[in-house]
Amino acid sequence: FAVMSVEAELPDTPAGVDRILVTADRARRANGATTLIDTDGKVAARYGAGNTYLLRPDQHVAARFVAPTSDDICAALARAMGARS
């Protein structure tokens, strides 16, 4: 699983979940995250600036958020992995 934030704050994630920050700002970084530079704005146009996504290993979107907390990410991860609430 991976969490990808597009021009948004990247929340804390559980261990084993990859973190991806997508930004047009070459100077911006997030600790422990892979930073992808969106030089032409195509990612922001497709996925929406300000959105954060939980991505399954098969690249399907499991959840979409605006300003998620780490608890939001954990809950969506549990749902995506088949946990019942």
C-alpha atoms as a PDB file:
ATOM      1  CA  PHE A   1       0.000   0.000   0.000  1.00  0.00           C
ATOM      2  CA  ALA A   2       1.028   3.611  -0.507  1.00  0.00           C
ATOM      3  CA  VAL A   3      -0.282   7.026   0.474  1.00  0.00           C
ATOM      4  CA  MET A   4       0.085   9.712  -2.188  1.00  0.00           C
ATOM      5  CA  SER A   5      -0.515  13.389  -1.437  1.00  0.00           C
ATOM      6  CA  VAL A   6      -0.856  15.800  -4.351  1.00  0.00           C
ATOM      7  CA  GLU A   7       0.165  19.329  -3.360  1.00  0.00           C
ATOM      8  CA  ALA A   8      -1.044  18.501   0.169  1.00  0.00           C
ATOM      9  CA  GLU A   9       0.435  17.709   3.559  1.00  0.00           C
ATOM     10  CA  LEU A  10       1.492  14.088   3.755  1.00  0.00           C
ATOM     11  CA  PRO A  11       0.054  12.429   6.883  1.00  0.00           C
ATOM     12  CA  ASP A  12       1.860   9.944   9.077  1.00  0.00           C
ATOM     13  CA  THR A  13       1.290   6.378   7.923  1.00  0.00           C
ATOM     14  CA  PRO A  14       1.543   2.946   9.504  1.00  0.00           C
ATOM     15  CA  ALA A  15       4.795   1.036   9.144  1.00  0.00           C
ATOM     16  CA  GLY A  16       5.122  -0.637   5.767  1.00  0.00           C
ATOM     17  CA  VAL A  17       2.985   1.914   3.902  1.00  0.00           C
ATOM     18  CA  ASP A  18       4.970   3.866   1.308  1.00  0.00           C
ATOM     19  CA  ARG A  19       4.655   7.652   1.329  1.00  0.00           C
ATOM     20  CA  ILE A  20       4.638   9.681  -1.884  1.00  0.00           C
ATOM     21  CA  LEU A  21       4.551  13.464  -2.109  1.00  0.00           C
ATOM     22  CA  VAL A  22       3.656  14.957  -5.495  1.00  0.00           C
ATOM     23  CA  THR A  23       4.526  18.634  -5.856  1.00  0.00           C
ATOM     24  CA  ALA A  24       5.611  21.214  -8.414  1.00  0.00           C
ATOM     25  CA  ASP A  25       7.925  22.817  -5.822  1.00  0.00           C
ATOM     26  CA  ARG A  26      11.411  21.370  -6.343  1.00  0.00           C
ATOM     27  CA  ALA A  27      12.460  22.475  -2.842  1.00  0.00           C
ATOM     28  CA  ARG A  28       9.591  20.755  -1.002  1.00  0.00           C
ATOM     29  CA  ARG A  29      10.246  17.443   0.743  1.00  0.00           C
ATOM     30  CA  ALA A  30       8.572  15.258   3.377  1.00  0.00           C
ATOM     31  CA  ASN A  31      10.571  13.124   5.791  1.00  0.00           C
ATOM     32  CA  GLY A  32      10.610   9.465   4.819  1.00  0.00           C
ATOM     33  CA  ALA A  33       8.689  10.074   1.587  1.00  0.00           C
ATOM     34  CA  THR A  34       9.453   9.720  -2.066  1.00  0.00           C
ATOM     35  CA  THR A  35       9.029  13.125  -3.707  1.00  0.00           C
ATOM     36  CA  LEU A  36       7.797  13.271  -7.295  1.00  0.00           C
ATOM     37  CA  ILE A  37       8.158  16.607  -9.061  1.00  0.00           C
ATOM     38  CA  ASP A  38       5.067  17.388 -11.142  1.00  0.00           C
ATOM     39  CA  THR A  39       6.765  19.890 -13.471  1.00  0.00           C
ATOM     40  CA  ASP A  40       3.914  20.204 -15.953  1.00  0.00           C
ATOM     41  CA  GLY A  41       1.032  19.834 -13.478  1.00  0.00           C
ATOM     42  CA  LYS A  42      -0.441  16.712 -15.070  1.00  0.00           C
ATOM     43  CA  VAL A  43      -0.692  14.782 -11.784  1.00  0.00           C
ATOM     44  CA  ALA A  44      -2.352  17.731 -10.029  1.00  0.00           C
ATOM     45  CA  ALA A  45      -4.767  18.117 -12.945  1.00  0.00           C
ATOM     46  CA  ARG A  46      -5.700  14.430 -12.967  1.00  0.00           C
ATOM     47  CA  TYR A  47      -5.837  13.717  -9.231  1.00  0.00           C
ATOM     48  CA  GLY A  48      -6.615  17.186  -7.868  1.00  0.00           C
ATOM     49  CA  ALA A  49      -4.315  19.413  -5.868  1.00  0.00           C
ATOM     50  CA  GLY A  50      -5.030  19.078  -2.156  1.00  0.00           C
ATOM     51  CA  ASN A  51      -6.088  15.419  -2.321  1.00  0.00           C
ATOM     52  CA  THR A  52      -4.481  12.436  -0.645  1.00  0.00           C
ATOM     53  CA  TYR A  53      -4.999   8.857  -1.827  1.00  0.00           C
ATOM     54  CA  LEU A  54      -4.540   5.407  -0.349  1.00  0.00           C
ATOM     55  CA  LEU A  55      -3.332   3.189  -3.205  1.00  0.00           C
ATOM     56  CA  ARG A  56      -3.526  -0.588  -3.181  1.00  0.00           C
ATOM     57  CA  PRO A  57      -0.518  -2.633  -4.333  1.00  0.00           C
ATOM     58  CA  ASP A  58      -2.351  -3.322  -7.633  1.00  0.00           C
ATOM     59  CA  GLN A  59      -2.536   0.485  -8.150  1.00  0.00           C
ATOM     60  CA  HIS A  60      -6.294   0.822  -7.549  1.00  0.00           C
ATOM     61  CA  VAL A  61      -7.419   3.758  -5.421  1.00  0.00           C
ATOM     62  CA  ALA A  62      -8.671   2.413  -2.092  1.00  0.00           C
ATOM     63  CA  ALA A  63      -9.592   5.803  -0.591  1.00  0.00           C
ATOM     64  CA  ARG A  64      -9.452   9.542  -1.293  1.00  0.00           C
ATOM     65  CA  PHE A  65      -9.143  12.224   1.363  1.00  0.00           C
ATOM     66  CA  VAL A  66      -8.877  15.951   1.886  1.00  0.00           C
ATOM     67  CA  ALA A  67      -6.678  16.706   4.931  1.00  0.00           C
ATOM     68  CA  PRO A  68      -6.649  13.172   6.406  1.00  0.00           C
ATOM     69  CA  THR A  69      -5.338  12.305   9.836  1.00  0.00           C
ATOM     70  CA  SER A  70      -3.206   9.248  10.485  1.00  0.00           C
ATOM     71  CA  ASP A  71      -6.327   7.653  12.054  1.00  0.00           C
ATOM     72  CA  ASP A  72      -8.200   8.195   8.770  1.00  0.00           C
ATOM     73  CA  ILE A  73      -5.399   6.448   6.879  1.00  0.00           C
ATOM     74  CA  CYS A  74      -5.351   3.538   9.355  1.00  0.00           C
ATOM     75  CA  ALA A  75      -9.116   3.076   9.098  1.00  0.00           C
ATOM     76  CA  ALA A  76      -9.062   3.091   5.285  1.00  0.00           C
ATOM     77  CA  LEU A  77      -6.129   0.678   5.262  1.00  0.00           C
ATOM     78  CA  ALA A  78      -8.042  -1.713   7.547  1.00  0.00           C
ATOM     79  CA  ARG A  79     -11.091  -1.541   5.232  1.00  0.00           C
ATOM     80  CA  ALA A  80      -8.934  -2.127   2.149  1.00  0.00           C
ATOM     81  CA  MET A  81      -7.398  -5.173   3.810  1.00  0.00           C
ATOM     82  CA  GLY A  82     -10.831  -6.628   4.601  1.00  0.00           C
ATOM     83  CA  ALA A  83     -11.140  -5.773   8.293  1.00  0.00           C
ATOM     84  CA  ARG A  84     -14.719  -5.447   9.482  1.00  0.00           C
ATOM     85  CA  SER A  85     -15.783  -2.572  11.701  1.00  0.00           C
END
